[in-house]
């Protein structure tokens, strides 16, 4: 399950777990999905619920 979340957020499993070695790390533009998640967090709770229901519906159709 962790590799799925790591891929979703565009980070390594180590970074996801906070085990980043302290090196230069990955730099560059924020992945589009991360930007969208940040925007979703700023929506009112009712709108967040609608978006999450839509995502759940689409993801359940894909069978993953």
PDB file of N, CA and C in Angstrom:
ATOM      1  N   UNK A   1       0.821  -1.191   0.000  1.00  0.00           N
ATOM      2  CA  UNK A   1       0.000   0.000   0.000  1.00  0.00           C
ATOM      3  C   UNK A   1       0.866   1.257   0.000  1.00  0.00           C
ATOM      4  N   UNK A   2       1.975   1.232   0.715  1.00  0.00           N
ATOM      5  CA  UNK A   2       2.842   2.415   0.757  1.00  0.00           C
ATOM      6  C   UNK A   2       3.380   2.796  -0.616  1.00  0.00           C
ATOM      7  N   UNK A   3       3.799   1.828  -1.444  1.00  0.00           N
ATOM      8  CA  UNK A   3       4.263   2.216  -2.774  1.00  0.00           C
ATOM      9  C   UNK A   3       3.192   2.928  -3.592  1.00  0.00           C
ATOM     10  N   UNK A   4       1.934   2.560  -3.389  1.00  0.00           N
ATOM     11  CA  UNK A   4       0.841   3.224  -4.110  1.00  0.00           C
ATOM     12  C   UNK A   4       0.750   4.678  -3.680  1.00  0.00           C
ATOM     13  N   UNK A   5       0.806   4.936  -2.363  1.00  0.00           N
ATOM     14  CA  UNK A   5       0.741   6.313  -1.872  1.00  0.00           C
ATOM     15  C   UNK A   5       1.976   7.099  -2.307  1.00  0.00           C
ATOM     16  N   UNK A   6       3.126   6.459  -2.276  1.00  0.00           N
ATOM     17  CA  UNK A   6       4.350   7.147  -2.700  1.00  0.00           C
ATOM     18  C   UNK A   6       4.235   7.573  -4.152  1.00  0.00           C
ATOM     19  N   UNK A   7       3.735   6.678  -5.002  1.00  0.00           N
ATOM     20  CA  UNK A   7       3.569   7.016  -6.415  1.00  0.00           C
ATOM     21  C   UNK A   7       2.528   8.123  -6.588  1.00  0.00           C
ATOM     22  N   UNK A   8       1.447   8.038  -5.831  1.00  0.00           N
ATOM     23  CA  UNK A   8       0.385   9.034  -5.898  1.00  0.00           C
ATOM     24  C   UNK A   8       0.913  10.432  -5.600  1.00  0.00           C
ATOM     25  N   UNK A   9       1.781  10.527  -4.590  1.00  0.00           N
ATOM     26  CA  UNK A   9       2.306  11.829  -4.184  1.00  0.00           C
ATOM     27  C   UNK A   9       3.629  12.184  -4.850  1.00  0.00           C
ATOM     28  N   UNK A  10       4.135  11.284  -5.673  1.00  0.00           N
ATOM     29  CA  UNK A  10       5.362  11.577  -6.411  1.00  0.00           C
ATOM     30  C   UNK A  10       6.600  11.628  -5.539  1.00  0.00           C
ATOM     31  N   UNK A  11       6.640  10.776  -4.501  1.00  0.00           N
ATOM     32  CA  UNK A  11       7.799  10.719  -3.610  1.00  0.00           C
ATOM     33  C   UNK A  11       8.212   9.263  -3.443  1.00  0.00           C
ATOM     34  N   UNK A  12       9.370   9.043  -2.845  1.00  0.00           N
ATOM     35  CA  UNK A  12       9.794   7.674  -2.553  1.00  0.00           C
ATOM     36  C   UNK A  12       9.097   7.198  -1.278  1.00  0.00           C
ATOM     37  N   UNK A  13       9.108   5.890  -1.064  1.00  0.00           N
ATOM     38  CA  UNK A  13       8.526   5.339   0.163  1.00  0.00           C
ATOM     39  C   UNK A  13       9.290   5.876   1.369  1.00  0.00           C
ATOM     40  N   UNK A  14      10.621   5.987   1.252  1.00  0.00           N
ATOM     41  CA  UNK A  14      11.420   6.542   2.344  1.00  0.00           C
ATOM     42  C   UNK A  14      10.981   7.953   2.703  1.00  0.00           C
ATOM     43  N   UNK A  15      10.754   8.784   1.695  1.00  0.00           N
ATOM     44  CA  UNK A  15      10.307  10.143   1.957  1.00  0.00           C
ATOM     45  C   UNK A  15       8.924  10.141   2.601  1.00  0.00           C
ATOM     46  N   UNK A  16       8.067   9.258   2.141  1.00  0.00           N
ATOM     47  CA  UNK A  16       6.722   9.139   2.690  1.00  0.00           C
ATOM     48  C   UNK A  16       6.768   8.795   4.178  1.00  0.00           C
ATOM     49  N   UNK A  17       7.731   7.954   4.557  1.00  0.00           N
ATOM     50  CA  UNK A  17       7.877   7.536   5.951  1.00  0.00           C
ATOM     51  C   UNK A  17       8.736   8.494   6.773  1.00  0.00           C
ATOM     52  N   UNK A  18       9.247   9.542   6.143  1.00  0.00           N
ATOM     53  CA  UNK A  18      10.075  10.500   6.856  1.00  0.00           C
ATOM     54  C   UNK A  18      11.499  10.016   7.048  1.00  0.00           C
ATOM     55  N   UNK A  19      11.937   9.094   6.210  1.00  0.00           N
ATOM     56  CA  UNK A  19      13.283   8.543   6.323  1.00  0.00           C
ATOM     57  C   UNK A  19      14.237   9.179   5.332  1.00  0.00           C
ATOM     58  N   UNK A  20      13.927  10.386   4.923  1.00  0.00           N
ATOM     59  CA  UNK A  20      14.767  11.085   3.956  1.00  0.00           C
ATOM     60  C   UNK A  20      16.172  11.215   4.519  1.00  0.00           C
ATOM     61  N   UNK A  21      17.164  10.896   3.696  1.00  0.00           N
ATOM     62  CA  UNK A  21      18.549  10.834   4.168  1.00  0.00           C
ATOM     63  C   UNK A  21      19.176  12.198   4.426  1.00  0.00           C
ATOM     64  N   UNK A  22      18.489  13.285   4.099  1.00  0.00           N
ATOM     65  CA  UNK A  22      19.030  14.601   4.361  1.00  0.00           C
ATOM     66  C   UNK A  22      19.854  15.157   3.226  1.00  0.00           C
ATOM     67  N   UNK A  23      19.935  14.429   2.118  1.00  0.00           N
ATOM     68  CA  UNK A  23      20.680  14.907   0.957  1.00  0.00           C
ATOM     69  C   UNK A  23      19.917  16.005   0.255  1.00  0.00           C
ATOM     70  N   UNK A  24      20.370  16.328  -0.935  1.00  0.00           N
ATOM     71  CA  UNK A  24      19.739  17.404  -1.706  1.00  0.00           C
ATOM     72  C   UNK A  24      18.273  17.097  -1.970  1.00  0.00           C
ATOM     73  N   UNK A  25      17.944  15.822  -2.155  1.00  0.00           N
ATOM     74  CA  UNK A  25      16.549  15.448  -2.351  1.00  0.00           C
ATOM     75  C   UNK A  25      16.032  15.850  -3.709  1.00  0.00           C
ATOM     76  N   UNK A  26      14.779  15.597  -3.884  1.00  0.00           N
ATOM     77  CA  UNK A  26      14.132  15.890  -5.150  1.00  0.00           C
ATOM     78  C   UNK A  26      13.673  17.338  -5.162  1.00  0.00           C
ATOM     79  N   UNK A  27      14.076  18.071  -6.119  1.00  0.00           N
ATOM     80  CA  UNK A  27      13.681  19.471  -6.242  1.00  0.00           C
ATOM     81  C   UNK A  27      12.956  19.665  -7.556  1.00  0.00           C
ATOM     82  N   UNK A  28      12.242  20.741  -7.664  1.00  0.00           N
ATOM     83  CA  UNK A  28      11.544  21.033  -8.904  1.00  0.00           C
ATOM     84  C   UNK A  28      10.110  21.403  -8.625  1.00  0.00           C
ATOM     85  N   UNK A  29       9.347  21.526  -9.671  1.00  0.00           N
ATOM     86  CA  UNK A  29       7.962  21.946  -9.504  1.00  0.00           C
ATOM     87  C   UNK A  29       7.141  20.892  -8.761  1.00  0.00           C
ATOM     88  N   UNK A  30       6.165  21.370  -8.010  1.00  0.00           N
ATOM     89  CA  UNK A  30       5.265  20.479  -7.293  1.00  0.00           C
ATOM     90  C   UNK A  30       4.414  19.718  -8.301  1.00  0.00           C
ATOM     91  N   UNK A  31       4.273  18.414  -8.122  1.00  0.00           N
ATOM     92  CA  UNK A  31       3.445  17.648  -9.047  1.00  0.00           C
ATOM     93  C   UNK A  31       2.012  18.182  -9.068  1.00  0.00           C
ATOM     94  N   UNK A  32       1.390  18.078 -10.203  1.00  0.00           N
ATOM     95  CA  UNK A  32       0.035  18.595 -10.376  1.00  0.00           C
ATOM     96  C   UNK A  32      -0.925  18.022  -9.341  1.00  0.00           C
ATOM     97  N   UNK A  33      -0.843  16.741  -9.073  1.00  0.00           N
ATOM     98  CA  UNK A  33      -1.753  16.127  -8.114  1.00  0.00           C
ATOM     99  C   UNK A  33      -1.600  16.754  -6.734  1.00  0.00           C
ATOM    100  N   UNK A  34      -0.374  17.004  -6.315  1.00  0.00           N
ATOM    101  CA  UNK A  34      -0.151  17.624  -5.011  1.00  0.00           C
ATOM    102  C   UNK A  34      -0.766  19.024  -4.968  1.00  0.00           C
ATOM    103  N   UNK A  35      -0.624  19.778  -6.039  1.00  0.00           N
ATOM    104  CA  UNK A  35      -1.230  21.110  -6.093  1.00  0.00           C
ATOM    105  C   UNK A  35      -2.755  21.016  -5.991  1.00  0.00           C
ATOM    106  N   UNK A  36      -3.322  20.005  -6.659  1.00  0.00           N
ATOM    107  CA  UNK A  36      -4.769  19.843  -6.610  1.00  0.00           C
ATOM    108  C   UNK A  36      -5.234  19.449  -5.211  1.00  0.00           C
ATOM    109  N   UNK A  37      -4.460  18.622  -4.533  1.00  0.00           N
ATOM    110  CA  UNK A  37      -4.804  18.238  -3.157  1.00  0.00           C
ATOM    111  C   UNK A  37      -4.789  19.470  -2.250  1.00  0.00           C
ATOM    112  N   UNK A  38      -3.801  20.310  -2.424  1.00  0.00           N
ATOM    113  CA  UNK A  38      -3.737  21.537  -1.625  1.00  0.00           C
ATOM    114  C   UNK A  38      -4.950  22.431  -1.893  1.00  0.00           C
ATOM    115  N   UNK A  39      -5.364  22.525  -3.141  1.00  0.00           N
ATOM    116  CA  UNK A  39      -6.557  23.317  -3.475  1.00  0.00           C
ATOM    117  C   UNK A  39      -7.799  22.695  -2.871  1.00  0.00           C
ATOM    118  N   UNK A  40      -7.883  21.371  -2.899  1.00  0.00           N
ATOM    119  CA  UNK A  40      -9.021  20.660  -2.327  1.00  0.00           C
ATOM    120  C   UNK A  40      -9.147  20.936  -0.832  1.00  0.00           C
ATOM    121  N   UNK A  41      -8.012  20.999  -0.141  1.00  0.00           N
ATOM    122  CA  UNK A  41      -8.014  21.271   1.299  1.00  0.00           C
ATOM    123  C   UNK A  41      -8.617  22.633   1.629  1.00  0.00           C
ATOM    124  N   UNK A  42      -8.522  23.564   0.692  1.00  0.00           N
ATOM    125  CA  UNK A  42      -9.028  24.921   0.934  1.00  0.00           C
ATOM    126  C   UNK A  42     -10.521  25.081   0.634  1.00  0.00           C
ATOM    127  N   UNK A  43     -11.122  24.055   0.043  1.00  0.00           N
ATOM    128  CA  UNK A  43     -12.554  24.119  -0.253  1.00  0.00           C
ATOM    129  C   UNK A  43     -13.370  23.932   1.024  1.00  0.00           C
ATOM    130  N   UNK A  44     -14.601  24.436   1.027  1.00  0.00           N
ATOM    131  CA  UNK A  44     -15.491  24.144   2.156  1.00  0.00           C
ATOM    132  C   UNK A  44     -15.719  22.633   2.266  1.00  0.00           C
ATOM    133  N   UNK A  45     -15.997  22.170   3.462  1.00  0.00           N
ATOM    134  CA  UNK A  45     -16.149  20.731   3.722  1.00  0.00           C
ATOM    135  C   UNK A  45     -17.197  20.094   2.814  1.00  0.00           C
ATOM    136  N   UNK A  46     -18.292  20.782   2.545  1.00  0.00           N
ATOM    137  CA  UNK A  46     -19.344  20.210   1.692  1.00  0.00           C
ATOM    138  C   UNK A  46     -18.821  19.960   0.284  1.00  0.00           C
ATOM    139  N   UNK A  47     -18.023  20.880  -0.251  1.00  0.00           N
ATOM    140  CA  UNK A  47     -17.463  20.697  -1.581  1.00  0.00           C
ATOM    141  C   UNK A  47     -16.389  19.617  -1.572  1.00  0.00           C
ATOM    142  N   UNK A  48     -15.620  19.522  -0.497  1.00  0.00           N
ATOM    143  CA  UNK A  48     -14.628  18.457  -0.380  1.00  0.00           C
ATOM    144  C   UNK A  48     -15.327  17.093  -0.440  1.00  0.00           C
ATOM    145  N   UNK A  49     -16.457  16.997   0.241  1.00  0.00           N
ATOM    146  CA  UNK A  49     -17.203  15.734   0.267  1.00  0.00           C
ATOM    147  C   UNK A  49     -17.667  15.351  -1.136  1.00  0.00           C
ATOM    148  N   UNK A  50     -18.154  16.332  -1.911  1.00  0.00           N
ATOM    149  CA  UNK A  50     -18.605  16.056  -3.275  1.00  0.00           C
ATOM    150  C   UNK A  50     -17.448  15.561  -4.130  1.00  0.00           C
ATOM    151  N   UNK A  51     -16.314  16.214  -4.034  1.00  0.00           N
ATOM    152  CA  UNK A  51     -15.141  15.816  -4.820  1.00  0.00           C
ATOM    153  C   UNK A  51     -14.702  14.405  -4.428  1.00  0.00           C
ATOM    154  N   UNK A  52     -14.666  14.126  -3.129  1.00  0.00           N
ATOM    155  CA  UNK A  52     -14.245  12.803  -2.670  1.00  0.00           C
ATOM    156  C   UNK A  52     -15.218  11.729  -3.143  1.00  0.00           C
ATOM    157  N   UNK A  53     -16.508  12.015  -3.157  1.00  0.00           N
ATOM    158  CA  UNK A  53     -17.486  11.047  -3.654  1.00  0.00           C
ATOM    159  C   UNK A  53     -17.271  10.777  -5.138  1.00  0.00           C
ATOM    160  N   UNK A  54     -16.966  11.820  -5.897  1.00  0.00           N
ATOM    161  CA  UNK A  54     -16.700  11.647  -7.329  1.00  0.00           C
ATOM    162  C   UNK A  54     -15.454  10.779  -7.527  1.00  0.00           C
ATOM    163  N   UNK A  55     -14.404  11.077  -6.783  1.00  0.00           N
ATOM    164  CA  UNK A  55     -13.173  10.280  -6.893  1.00  0.00           C
ATOM    165  C   UNK A  55     -13.417   8.837  -6.505  1.00  0.00           C
ATOM    166  N   UNK A  56     -14.129   8.620  -5.404  1.00  0.00           N
ATOM    167  CA  UNK A  56     -14.428   7.249  -4.979  1.00  0.00           C
ATOM    168  C   UNK A  56     -15.179   6.497  -6.066  1.00  0.00           C
ATOM    169  N   UNK A  57     -16.133   7.160  -6.701  1.00  0.00           N
ATOM    170  CA  UNK A  57     -16.895   6.526  -7.776  1.00  0.00           C
ATOM    171  C   UNK A  57     -16.028   6.146  -8.954  1.00  0.00           C
ATOM    172  N   UNK A  58     -15.176   7.040  -9.360  1.00  0.00           N
ATOM    173  CA  UNK A  58     -14.290   6.771 -10.495  1.00  0.00           C
ATOM    174  C   UNK A  58     -13.297   5.665 -10.150  1.00  0.00           C
ATOM    175  N   UNK A  59     -12.708   5.739  -8.955  1.00  0.00           N
ATOM    176  CA  UNK A  59     -11.727   4.736  -8.555  1.00  0.00           C
ATOM    177  C   UNK A  59     -12.361   3.360  -8.382  1.00  0.00           C
ATOM    178  N   UNK A  60     -13.592   3.312  -7.908  1.00  0.00           N
ATOM    179  CA  UNK A  60     -14.244   2.005  -7.758  1.00  0.00           C
ATOM    180  C   UNK A  60     -14.572   1.393  -9.124  1.00  0.00           C
ATOM    181  N   UNK A  61     -14.805   2.228 -10.126  1.00  0.00           N
ATOM    182  CA  UNK A  61     -15.066   1.725 -11.478  1.00  0.00           C
ATOM    183  C   UNK A  61     -13.806   1.119 -12.102  1.00  0.00           C
ATOM    184  N   UNK A  62     -12.656   1.634 -11.705  1.00  0.00           N
ATOM    185  CA  UNK A  62     -11.407   1.140 -12.285  1.00  0.00           C
ATOM    186  C   UNK A  62     -10.999  -0.198 -11.680  1.00  0.00           C
ATOM    187  N   UNK A  63     -11.603  -0.562 -10.549  1.00  0.00           N
ATOM    188  CA  UNK A  63     -11.297  -1.841  -9.929  1.00  0.00           C
ATOM    189  C   UNK A  63      -9.967  -1.895  -9.218  1.00  0.00           C
ATOM    190  N   UNK A  64      -9.387  -0.763  -8.883  1.00  0.00           N
ATOM    191  CA  UNK A  64      -8.087  -0.734  -8.195  1.00  0.00           C
ATOM    192  C   UNK A  64      -8.225  -0.205  -6.805  1.00  0.00           C
TER     193      UNK A  64
END
